[in-house]
C-alpha cells in the first residue's frame, strides 16, 4: 500500500515522502480502515516537526484523524461491519491507504454527514466543545478568542452561541473580518487596525470579558490579558506564532488572572467514556442536522503530502486541506 512516511523530524515540505508499506493486519479488538479523507491539522505538522507533546518512533506514518471505510475486522470485534463508513480521531499511521485502530475508537456515521465534515468531526470540534464546557461560563457571559477565523475559532462561535454565550472575535486583517462577518459571527475586531482596543467596550456594551482563549502566543496573549476582567482566565490553546507567551506581570497580578493550558488529547482521556460519548453524540447530531458543516478547501493525493502541508500553512485558507485515499 501507499503511505506517507517521515524518516526524520523536520519541516514537513522537506521530510514528508511516500513509500510502499505492507498492508497492516488487524489484531484482536482492532479494525483495518481504508482511508477516504484525512485533514491536515496543526498538531499533525507539529508531530512531523518533532515539537508536539509526544514523538513517534521513526520511521513513522503521520496522521491522526480520518473518515474511512471498515476494510477488515479482527477477532473479538462484533459490532462493526466491513463496508461501514466511520470516523476516527486520536489514531496513528492514518496517512496511508490502510491503517489499523482499536475498534473502540471507531464511530459509525449516518449518511447525512458528508465525507468533508466526517473527516474532521472529532479532533477540533470535540476539543472546542470540551473547551466551551471547561470555561464554566453562564448564559450571557463574554469570552474572547484570537485567530478566530480558524477552525477552532469558528467552532467556538457555533458552540458558544448554542449555549447563550457571547464571543469577541479577534482576527488579523480585513479579509478575516469579512469572512467571519459573512458567517454572522459578530463582533469581530481586527487587531492590526489602529485603535482596535478602543472598540472593545462598544462591541461588548461594557460587559466584562471573563475568559480569553489564546491560540497565537507571543504578544497576542498579552493583548487578550489586557481585555480580561479581574478574576478572569486566560486559556492557552495553541501557539500559532511559535513564540512563548509574553505577558504583562502588572495586569496578571492586579487582575488576579488565572492562566491555564488546554490540551484536547489529554482532556478527552480525563472526562471519561460516558461524558465523551455524550459530546460525540451531540456533534453527530449537529452534523447530521446541518448546523455543523466543515468544508475541505483542497484534497491532495498521498504522494503530494509535502505540497499539502505547504498549502495548509499558507495564509488565506477558508477551510482545511486534506489527504485523500480511496473513493468513498
Protein backbone atom coordinates (compact mmCIF):
# COMPACT_ATOMS: atom_id res chain seq x y z
CA UNK A 1 0.00 0.00 0.00
CA UNK A 2 0.99 3.65 -0.36
CA UNK A 3 1.81 5.54 2.83
CA UNK A 4 3.17 8.93 3.80
CA UNK A 5 6.39 8.41 5.78
CA UNK A 6 8.87 10.51 7.74
CA UNK A 7 12.38 9.16 8.29
CA UNK A 8 13.41 12.18 10.39
CA UNK A 9 11.76 15.12 12.11
CA UNK A 10 11.85 18.45 10.32
CA UNK A 11 9.98 20.85 8.09
CA UNK A 12 7.05 18.98 6.51
CA UNK A 13 7.96 20.10 2.99
CA UNK A 14 11.39 18.52 3.46
CA UNK A 15 10.62 15.29 5.31
CA UNK A 16 7.22 14.10 4.09
CA UNK A 17 7.72 11.34 1.50
CA UNK A 18 5.67 8.45 0.14
CA UNK A 19 6.70 4.80 0.36
CA UNK A 20 5.27 1.31 -0.10
CA UNK A 21 4.41 -0.42 3.15
CA UNK A 22 2.80 -3.80 3.93
CA UNK A 23 -0.96 -3.70 4.40
CA UNK A 24 -1.45 -3.97 8.20
CA UNK A 25 -3.48 -6.81 9.68
CA UNK A 26 -5.96 -6.12 12.49
CA UNK A 27 -5.40 -7.99 15.73
CA UNK A 28 -7.90 -8.83 18.46
CA UNK A 29 -10.23 -5.89 19.09
CA UNK A 30 -8.90 -3.99 16.07
CA UNK A 31 -10.24 -2.97 12.67
CA UNK A 32 -8.48 -2.13 9.41
CA UNK A 33 -9.78 1.01 7.75
CA UNK A 34 -9.48 2.15 4.13
CA UNK A 35 -8.77 5.89 4.05
CA UNK A 36 -11.23 8.23 2.34
CA UNK A 37 -10.13 11.66 3.63
CA UNK A 38 -7.78 12.84 6.38
CA UNK A 39 -7.46 16.52 7.35
CA UNK A 40 -4.04 18.03 7.99
CA UNK A 41 -4.14 19.55 11.46
CA UNK A 42 -1.60 21.89 13.05
CA UNK A 43 -0.80 19.18 15.58
CA UNK A 44 -0.08 16.72 12.76
CA UNK A 45 2.59 19.07 11.42
CA UNK A 46 3.91 19.67 14.93
CA UNK A 47 4.39 15.89 15.24
CA UNK A 48 6.22 15.86 11.90
CA UNK A 49 8.50 18.61 13.21
CA UNK A 50 9.07 16.72 16.46
CA UNK A 51 7.74 19.53 18.65
CA UNK A 52 4.41 18.08 19.84
CA UNK A 53 3.59 16.55 23.22
CA UNK A 54 4.94 13.19 22.08
CA UNK A 55 7.30 11.88 19.40
CA UNK A 56 6.56 8.71 17.43
CA UNK A 57 9.32 6.23 16.76
CA UNK A 58 10.91 6.71 13.35
CA UNK A 59 10.25 5.89 10.61
CA UNK A 60 6.63 6.90 11.20
CA UNK A 61 3.41 7.35 9.25
CA UNK A 62 1.76 10.62 10.40
CA UNK A 63 -1.93 11.48 10.52
CA UNK A 64 -4.41 11.32 13.36
CA UNK A 65 -7.99 11.77 12.07
CA UNK A 66 -9.99 10.48 9.11
CA UNK A 67 -13.20 9.33 7.57
CA UNK A 68 -12.74 5.80 6.26
CA UNK A 69 -14.48 2.53 5.48
CA UNK A 70 -14.12 -0.64 7.50
CA UNK A 71 -11.98 -2.96 5.36
CA UNK A 72 -11.42 -5.86 7.78
CA UNK A 73 -12.20 -6.71 11.39
CA UNK A 74 -10.03 -8.63 13.79
CA UNK A 75 -11.13 -11.23 16.34
CA UNK A 76 -13.39 -10.07 19.17
CA UNK A 77 -14.96 -7.26 17.12
CA UNK A 78 -18.67 -7.88 16.90
CA UNK A 79 -20.32 -4.52 16.29
CA UNK A 80 -18.66 -3.28 13.10
CA UNK A 81 -19.25 -4.49 9.55
CA UNK A 82 -16.98 -4.42 6.53
CA UNK A 83 -18.03 -1.51 4.32
CA UNK A 84 -19.31 0.73 7.14
CA UNK A 85 -18.29 4.38 6.84
CA UNK A 86 -16.75 5.60 10.08
CA UNK A 87 -14.80 8.45 11.61
CA UNK A 88 -11.81 8.09 13.90
CA UNK A 89 -9.61 10.52 15.81
CA UNK A 90 -6.61 10.22 18.09
CA UNK A 91 -5.31 7.47 15.82
CA UNK A 92 -1.83 6.85 14.40
CA UNK A 93 -0.48 5.93 10.97
CA UNK A 94 -3.55 7.42 9.28
CA UNK A 95 -1.89 8.89 6.16
CA UNK A 96 -1.90 5.58 4.33
CA UNK A 97 -4.27 3.68 2.08
CA UNK A 98 -4.99 1.36 5.02
CA UNK A 99 -4.46 1.72 8.76
CA UNK A 100 -5.40 -0.20 11.90
CA UNK A 101 -7.10 1.22 15.00
CA UNK A 102 -8.76 -0.17 18.13
CA UNK A 103 -12.43 -0.83 17.43
CA UNK A 104 -13.41 1.33 20.41
CA UNK A 105 -12.07 4.44 18.64
CA UNK A 106 -14.29 3.98 15.60
CA UNK A 107 -17.56 5.92 15.31
CA UNK A 108 -20.10 4.80 12.64
CA UNK A 109 -21.70 7.67 10.74
CA UNK A 110 -25.15 8.36 9.31
CA UNK A 111 -25.33 9.02 5.56
CA UNK A 112 -26.46 12.60 6.25
CA UNK A 113 -22.93 13.54 7.38
CA UNK A 114 -20.72 14.43 4.39
CA UNK A 115 -17.23 13.00 3.96
CA UNK A 116 -15.76 16.50 4.35
CA UNK A 117 -17.45 17.03 7.72
CA UNK A 118 -16.92 13.43 8.85
CA UNK A 119 -13.18 13.63 8.19
CA UNK A 120 -12.75 16.39 10.77
CA UNK A 121 -15.72 15.78 13.05
CA UNK A 122 -13.87 14.71 16.18
CA UNK A 123 -10.49 16.32 16.77
CA UNK A 124 -11.16 20.05 16.53
CA UNK A 125 -14.94 20.05 17.17
CA UNK A 126 -14.59 17.79 20.21
CA UNK A 127 -11.75 19.94 21.56
CA UNK A 128 -13.81 23.09 21.01
CA UNK A 129 -16.82 21.55 22.72
CA UNK A 130 -14.75 20.39 25.71
CA UNK A 131 -13.14 23.82 25.87
CA UNK A 132 -16.51 25.57 26.00
CA UNK A 133 -17.60 23.34 28.87
CA UNK A 134 -14.29 23.84 30.70
CA UNK A 135 -14.73 27.62 30.58
CA UNK A 136 -17.61 27.26 33.08
CA UNK A 137 -19.46 30.30 31.80
CA UNK A 138 -23.15 31.12 32.15
CA UNK A 139 -25.57 32.32 29.50
CA UNK A 140 -24.88 35.96 28.71
CA UNK A 141 -21.19 35.86 29.68
CA UNK A 142 -18.46 37.07 27.33
CA UNK A 143 -15.33 35.32 26.12
CA UNK A 144 -12.64 36.47 23.68
CA UNK A 145 -10.72 34.32 21.22
CA UNK A 146 -7.92 35.24 18.84
CA UNK A 147 -7.18 33.60 15.47
CA UNK A 148 -10.97 33.46 15.42
CA UNK A 149 -11.17 32.83 11.69
CA UNK A 150 -9.54 29.42 12.05
CA UNK A 151 -11.32 26.11 12.51
CA UNK A 152 -11.34 26.27 16.30
CA UNK A 153 -12.47 29.89 16.37
CA UNK A 154 -15.43 29.17 14.12
CA UNK A 155 -16.38 26.10 16.13
CA UNK A 156 -16.17 28.05 19.39
CA UNK A 157 -18.62 30.54 17.89
CA UNK A 158 -21.05 27.76 16.95
CA UNK A 159 -21.00 26.02 20.34
CA UNK A 160 -20.87 29.21 22.41
CA UNK A 161 -23.93 30.64 20.75
CA UNK A 162 -25.83 27.40 21.27
CA UNK A 163 -25.19 27.94 24.98
CA UNK A 164 -26.11 31.62 25.03
CA UNK A 165 -22.51 32.84 25.35
CA UNK A 166 -21.13 35.95 23.66
CA UNK A 167 -17.87 35.82 21.70
CA UNK A 168 -15.50 38.68 20.94
CA UNK A 169 -13.64 37.54 17.82
CA UNK A 170 -10.11 38.82 17.31
CA UNK A 171 -8.52 38.39 13.88
CA UNK A 172 -5.73 39.86 11.77
CA UNK A 173 -6.59 41.70 8.58
CA UNK A 174 -9.78 42.91 6.85
CA UNK A 175 -10.20 39.68 4.87
CA UNK A 176 -10.58 37.69 8.09
CA UNK A 177 -13.02 40.26 9.44
CA UNK A 178 -15.13 39.97 6.30
CA UNK A 179 -15.07 36.15 6.38
CA UNK A 180 -16.41 35.98 9.94
CA UNK A 181 -18.99 38.69 9.38
CA UNK A 182 -20.27 36.79 6.37
CA UNK A 183 -20.96 33.89 8.73
CA UNK A 184 -22.72 36.22 11.16
CA UNK A 185 -20.05 35.90 13.86
CA UNK A 186 -20.13 39.37 15.37
CA UNK A 187 -18.47 41.26 16.93
CA UNK A 188 -15.17 40.98 15.05
CA UNK A 189 -12.15 43.23 15.63
CA UNK A 190 -9.02 43.49 13.50
CA UNK A 191 -6.05 43.57 15.88
CA UNK A 192 -3.86 45.04 13.13
CA UNK A 193 -6.07 48.14 12.83
CA UNK A 194 -5.16 51.25 14.76
CA UNK A 195 -7.17 51.81 17.93
CA UNK A 196 -8.88 48.42 17.89
CA UNK A 197 -8.78 48.18 21.69
CA UNK A 198 -10.85 51.35 21.94
CA UNK A 199 -13.65 49.49 20.14
CA UNK A 200 -13.89 46.67 22.69
CA UNK A 201 -16.20 48.42 25.15
CA UNK A 202 -18.66 49.34 22.42
CA UNK A 203 -18.52 45.81 20.99
CA UNK A 204 -19.36 44.23 24.36
CA UNK A 205 -21.59 47.06 25.64
CA UNK A 206 -19.16 47.35 28.52
CA UNK A 207 -19.76 43.81 29.79
CA UNK A 208 -16.78 42.09 31.49
CA UNK A 209 -14.82 39.55 29.45
CA UNK A 210 -14.46 36.61 31.81
CA UNK A 211 -12.43 34.20 29.65
CA UNK A 212 -9.89 34.65 26.85
CA UNK A 213 -8.68 31.83 24.60
CA UNK A 214 -5.24 32.36 23.10
CA UNK A 215 -4.26 30.36 20.02
CA UNK A 216 -1.33 32.53 18.97
CA UNK A 217 1.09 33.09 21.84
CA UNK A 218 3.68 35.87 21.91
CA UNK A 219 2.34 39.38 22.37
CA UNK A 220 -1.13 38.32 21.22
CA UNK A 221 -1.60 36.68 24.61
CA UNK A 222 -0.75 39.97 26.32
CA UNK A 223 -3.40 41.74 24.25
CA UNK A 224 -6.03 39.28 25.44
CA UNK A 225 -4.84 39.50 29.04
CA UNK A 226 -5.41 43.27 28.87
CA UNK A 227 -9.05 42.66 27.87
CA UNK A 228 -9.86 40.32 30.75
CA UNK A 229 -11.96 41.36 33.73
CA UNK A 230 -10.49 40.93 37.24
CA UNK A 231 -10.52 37.27 38.25
CA UNK A 232 -10.73 36.13 34.63
CA UNK A 233 -8.94 33.25 32.99
CA UNK A 234 -6.55 33.15 30.04
CA UNK A 235 -6.53 29.74 28.36
CA UNK A 236 -3.54 28.82 26.21
CA UNK A 237 -4.91 26.65 23.41
CA UNK A 238 -2.17 26.96 20.79
CA UNK A 239 0.96 28.79 19.68
CA UNK A 240 0.50 29.68 16.02
CA UNK A 241 3.18 32.35 16.26
CA UNK A 242 5.73 29.87 17.56
CA UNK A 243 6.55 32.37 20.29
CA UNK A 244 6.34 31.91 24.08
CA UNK A 245 3.66 33.79 25.98
CA UNK A 246 4.66 37.40 26.60
CA UNK A 247 2.56 38.80 29.43
CA UNK A 248 2.39 41.99 31.47
CA UNK A 249 3.00 40.99 35.10
CA UNK A 250 1.13 44.09 36.32
CA UNK A 251 -2.09 43.07 34.57
CA UNK A 252 -1.57 39.50 35.70
CA UNK A 253 -1.04 40.42 39.35
CA UNK A 254 -3.52 43.23 39.84
CA UNK A 255 -6.33 41.48 37.98
CA UNK A 256 -5.51 38.17 39.70
CA UNK A 257 -5.89 36.40 36.41
CA UNK A 258 -5.50 32.62 36.19
CA UNK A 259 -3.58 31.16 33.23
CA UNK A 260 -4.42 27.62 32.16
CA UNK A 261 -3.32 25.32 29.38
CA UNK A 262 -5.73 23.17 27.35
CA UNK A 263 -4.69 20.00 25.51
CA UNK A 264 -7.63 18.21 23.90
CA UNK A 265 -5.84 14.84 23.71
CA UNK A 266 -5.36 14.85 27.48
CA UNK A 267 -8.80 16.22 28.32
CA UNK A 268 -10.54 13.52 26.30
CA UNK A 269 -8.79 10.92 28.48
CA UNK A 270 -9.84 12.73 31.64
CA UNK A 271 -13.56 13.25 31.01
CA UNK A 272 -14.42 9.55 30.86
CA UNK A 273 -16.30 7.37 28.39
CA UNK A 274 -19.84 8.45 29.33
CA UNK A 275 -19.10 12.18 29.04
CA UNK A 276 -17.12 11.63 25.84
CA UNK A 277 -19.98 9.65 24.32
CA UNK A 278 -22.46 12.40 25.12
CA UNK A 279 -20.29 15.02 23.41
CA UNK A 280 -19.74 12.84 20.34
CA UNK A 281 -23.48 12.21 20.01
CA UNK A 282 -24.04 15.96 20.20
CA UNK A 283 -21.51 16.54 17.41
CA UNK A 284 -23.02 13.86 15.16
CA UNK A 285 -26.46 15.34 15.74
CA UNK A 286 -25.28 18.82 14.75
CA UNK A 287 -23.51 17.43 11.67
CA UNK A 288 -26.46 15.31 10.54
CA UNK A 289 -28.85 18.22 11.12
CA UNK A 290 -26.74 20.66 9.13
CA UNK A 291 -25.87 23.04 11.97
CA UNK A 292 -22.25 21.84 11.91
CA UNK A 293 -20.63 21.84 8.48
CA UNK A 294 -16.89 21.52 7.99
CA UNK A 295 -15.53 22.09 4.50
CA UNK A 296 -12.35 20.88 2.81
CA UNK A 297 -10.62 23.51 0.68
CA UNK A 298 -8.45 21.06 -1.25
CA UNK A 299 -7.74 17.31 -1.16
CA UNK A 300 -4.31 16.07 -2.26
CA UNK A 301 -3.20 12.53 -3.08
CA UNK A 302 -0.88 10.85 -0.59
CA UNK A 303 2.05 11.36 -2.98
CA UNK A 304 1.60 15.14 -2.65
CA UNK A 305 1.65 15.27 1.16
CA UNK A 306 4.54 17.75 1.21
CA UNK A 307 2.64 20.12 -1.10
CA UNK A 308 -0.49 19.68 1.02
CA UNK A 309 1.46 20.63 4.15
CA UNK A 310 2.70 23.82 2.47
CA UNK A 311 -0.87 24.66 1.42
CA UNK A 312 -2.05 24.07 4.98
CA UNK A 313 0.32 26.73 6.32
CA UNK A 314 -0.25 29.24 3.52
CA UNK A 315 -2.27 32.25 4.80
CA UNK A 316 -5.72 32.90 3.42
CA UNK A 317 -7.29 29.45 3.64
CA UNK A 318 -11.02 29.32 4.31
CA UNK A 319 -11.11 25.59 5.18
CA UNK A 320 -8.91 22.60 5.91
CA UNK A 321 -6.55 20.91 3.46
CA UNK A 322 -6.82 17.11 3.39
CA UNK A 323 -5.17 14.00 2.01
CA UNK A 324 -7.34 11.58 0.10
CA UNK A 325 -7.20 7.83 -0.04
CA UNK A 326 -9.70 5.68 -1.90
CA UNK A 327 -13.05 6.99 -3.21
CA UNK A 328 -15.97 6.76 -0.79
